Amino acid sequence: MGETRKQYVPNELLSRLVDLRLYSVEFVLNDYVQFRFDGDQNPGHVTLNSYVWPGVRQDGSLWRERDLGYADALRRLAPGTVVSTTEQTGSGIHIELDTGTIVIHPAKEEIFVEIAELSGFPDGQWMAWRPGEDSFEDLA
């Protein structure tokens, strides 16, 4: 018999980032941004690839990729600790750190295939977000 897909629960996997430290922000070939997290309870490194340019909320401002200072705003997120996460249709993914907030909710024209991917947990759990699916239904 075919394997049945487990029912997706928004923020269940994403919330496992809480208390992890963002130790690296990497720009990969000016194509996407990779965020790496570590923490005492996690012997490996958890990685969030954002295949769209995320927004950065810091000090009351929202920085976008087109803004002068955007890369600096992303770099200032590290070394921050994740304090909360939210994920829902209409607003996408928000990862709040003690240094600012990563906001992933692109416009339709910014998306090619996937929006983001989270992996690296010791139990092998991972997630890929795509337009029209889990928490991004509004981008179908």
Protein backbone atom coordinates (compact mmCIF):
# COMPACT_ATOMS: atom_id res chain seq x y z
CA MET A 1 0.00 0.00 0.00
CA GLY A 2 1.05 3.57 -0.60
CA GLU A 3 2.45 5.67 2.17
CA THR A 4 0.04 8.28 3.49
CA ARG A 5 1.31 11.79 4.02
CA LYS A 6 1.30 12.96 7.60
CA GLN A 7 -1.09 15.86 8.18
CA TYR A 8 0.91 19.08 8.20
CA VAL A 9 0.63 21.17 11.36
CA PRO A 10 1.72 24.80 10.80
CA ASN A 11 4.57 25.96 13.05
CA GLU A 12 5.14 22.48 14.51
CA LEU A 13 8.56 21.98 12.92
CA LEU A 14 9.41 25.67 12.62
CA SER A 15 8.88 26.18 16.37
CA ARG A 16 11.74 23.77 17.04
CA LEU A 17 14.03 26.70 16.18
CA VAL A 18 13.08 28.40 19.47
CA ASP A 19 16.15 28.75 21.73
CA LEU A 20 18.54 27.94 18.88
CA ARG A 21 21.22 30.48 18.00
CA LEU A 22 21.52 31.88 14.49
CA TYR A 23 25.26 31.70 13.97
CA SER A 24 25.56 32.15 10.21
CA VAL A 25 23.89 34.07 7.40
CA GLU A 26 25.21 33.07 3.98
CA PHE A 27 24.44 34.53 0.58
CA VAL A 28 24.65 31.70 -1.95
CA LEU A 29 25.61 32.93 -5.44
CA ASN A 30 23.30 35.93 -5.05
CA ASP A 31 20.50 33.39 -5.48
CA TYR A 32 19.26 32.58 -1.99
CA VAL A 33 20.03 33.08 1.70
CA GLN A 34 21.03 30.29 4.05
CA PHE A 35 20.52 30.65 7.79
CA ARG A 36 22.34 28.19 10.09
CA PHE A 37 21.29 27.55 13.67
CA ASP A 38 22.86 25.64 16.56
CA GLY A 39 22.14 25.08 20.23
CA ASP A 40 22.95 22.96 23.27
CA GLN A 41 20.11 20.50 22.67
CA ASN A 42 21.01 19.99 19.02
CA PRO A 43 24.39 18.40 18.22
CA GLY A 44 24.21 19.31 14.51
CA HIS A 45 23.33 22.36 12.52
CA VAL A 46 19.82 23.23 11.46
CA THR A 47 19.62 25.05 8.13
CA LEU A 48 16.89 27.27 6.73
CA ASN A 49 17.28 28.01 3.02
CA SER A 50 15.19 30.93 1.85
CA TYR A 51 14.82 30.74 -1.93
CA VAL A 52 13.16 34.15 -1.94
CA TRP A 53 14.72 37.24 -0.41
CA PRO A 54 13.35 37.44 3.15
CA GLY A 55 12.41 40.67 4.84
CA VAL A 56 14.23 41.72 7.99
CA ARG A 57 12.39 43.60 10.72
CA GLN A 58 14.72 45.51 13.06
CA ASP A 59 14.22 48.58 15.22
CA GLY A 60 10.80 49.32 13.74
CA SER A 61 11.97 49.12 10.11
CA LEU A 62 11.32 46.42 7.50
CA TRP A 63 14.31 45.88 5.21
CA ARG A 64 13.77 44.36 1.74
CA GLU A 65 16.36 43.12 -0.76
CA ARG A 66 16.12 46.31 -2.84
CA ASP A 67 16.93 48.52 0.19
CA LEU A 68 20.40 49.96 0.73
CA GLY A 69 21.67 48.30 3.92
CA TYR A 70 19.65 45.08 3.45
CA ALA A 71 22.68 42.76 3.60
CA ASP A 72 23.88 44.54 6.74
CA ALA A 73 20.46 44.07 8.35
CA LEU A 74 20.63 40.34 7.62
CA ARG A 75 24.15 40.07 9.04
CA ARG A 76 23.11 41.92 12.22
CA LEU A 77 20.68 39.08 12.98
CA ALA A 78 23.64 36.85 13.98
CA PRO A 79 24.38 35.86 16.64
CA GLY A 80 20.76 36.06 17.69
CA THR A 81 18.66 33.53 19.56
CA VAL A 82 15.23 32.51 18.27
CA VAL A 83 12.54 33.59 20.73
CA SER A 84 9.40 32.68 18.73
CA THR A 85 8.14 31.52 15.35
CA THR A 86 4.84 31.85 13.51
CA GLU A 87 3.62 30.40 10.27
CA GLN A 88 0.26 31.04 8.67
CA THR A 89 -1.46 31.64 5.37
CA GLY A 90 -1.46 35.32 4.44
CA SER A 91 1.65 36.24 6.41
CA GLY A 92 4.02 33.34 5.73
CA ILE A 93 6.91 32.55 8.05
CA HIS A 94 8.16 34.81 10.84
CA ILE A 95 11.20 33.88 12.91
CA GLU A 96 11.69 36.31 15.77
CA LEU A 97 15.17 36.52 17.22
CA ASP A 98 16.41 38.74 20.02
CA THR A 99 18.22 40.68 17.25
CA GLY A 100 15.34 41.10 14.78
CA THR A 101 12.80 39.12 12.77
CA ILE A 102 13.13 37.13 9.56
CA VAL A 103 9.97 37.55 7.45
CA ILE A 104 9.36 35.16 4.55
CA HIS A 105 6.26 36.01 2.53
CA PRO A 106 7.16 36.80 -1.08
CA ALA A 107 5.12 38.30 -3.87
CA LYS A 108 4.05 35.74 -6.49
CA GLU A 109 6.50 37.10 -9.05
CA GLU A 110 9.44 36.47 -6.67
CA ILE A 111 8.83 32.71 -6.52
CA PHE A 112 10.38 30.19 -8.87
CA VAL A 113 9.77 26.72 -7.37
CA GLU A 114 10.21 26.58 -3.59
CA ILE A 115 9.94 29.37 -1.07
CA ALA A 116 12.03 27.92 1.76
CA GLU A 117 13.38 24.67 3.17
CA LEU A 118 14.17 23.74 6.79
CA SER A 119 16.37 20.72 7.58
CA GLY A 120 19.12 19.37 9.82
CA PHE A 121 17.19 18.21 12.87
CA PRO A 122 18.64 15.10 14.59
CA ASP A 123 15.46 13.09 13.89
CA GLY A 124 15.66 13.85 10.16
CA GLN A 125 12.47 15.94 10.06
CA TRP A 126 12.43 18.58 7.31
CA MET A 127 10.01 20.81 5.45
CA ALA A 128 9.88 22.54 2.08
CA TRP A 129 7.38 25.36 1.55
CA ARG A 130 5.96 25.89 -1.94
CA PRO A 131 3.45 28.38 -3.34
CA GLY A 132 -0.13 27.17 -3.02
CA GLU A 133 0.77 24.72 -0.24
CA ASP A 134 1.16 24.67 3.54
CA SER A 135 1.01 28.23 4.91
CA PHE A 136 1.45 29.75 1.44
CA GLU A 137 -1.95 28.86 -0.03
CA ASP A 138 -2.48 32.57 -0.76
CA LEU A 139 0.35 32.44 -3.30
CA ALA A 140 -1.21 29.81 -5.58
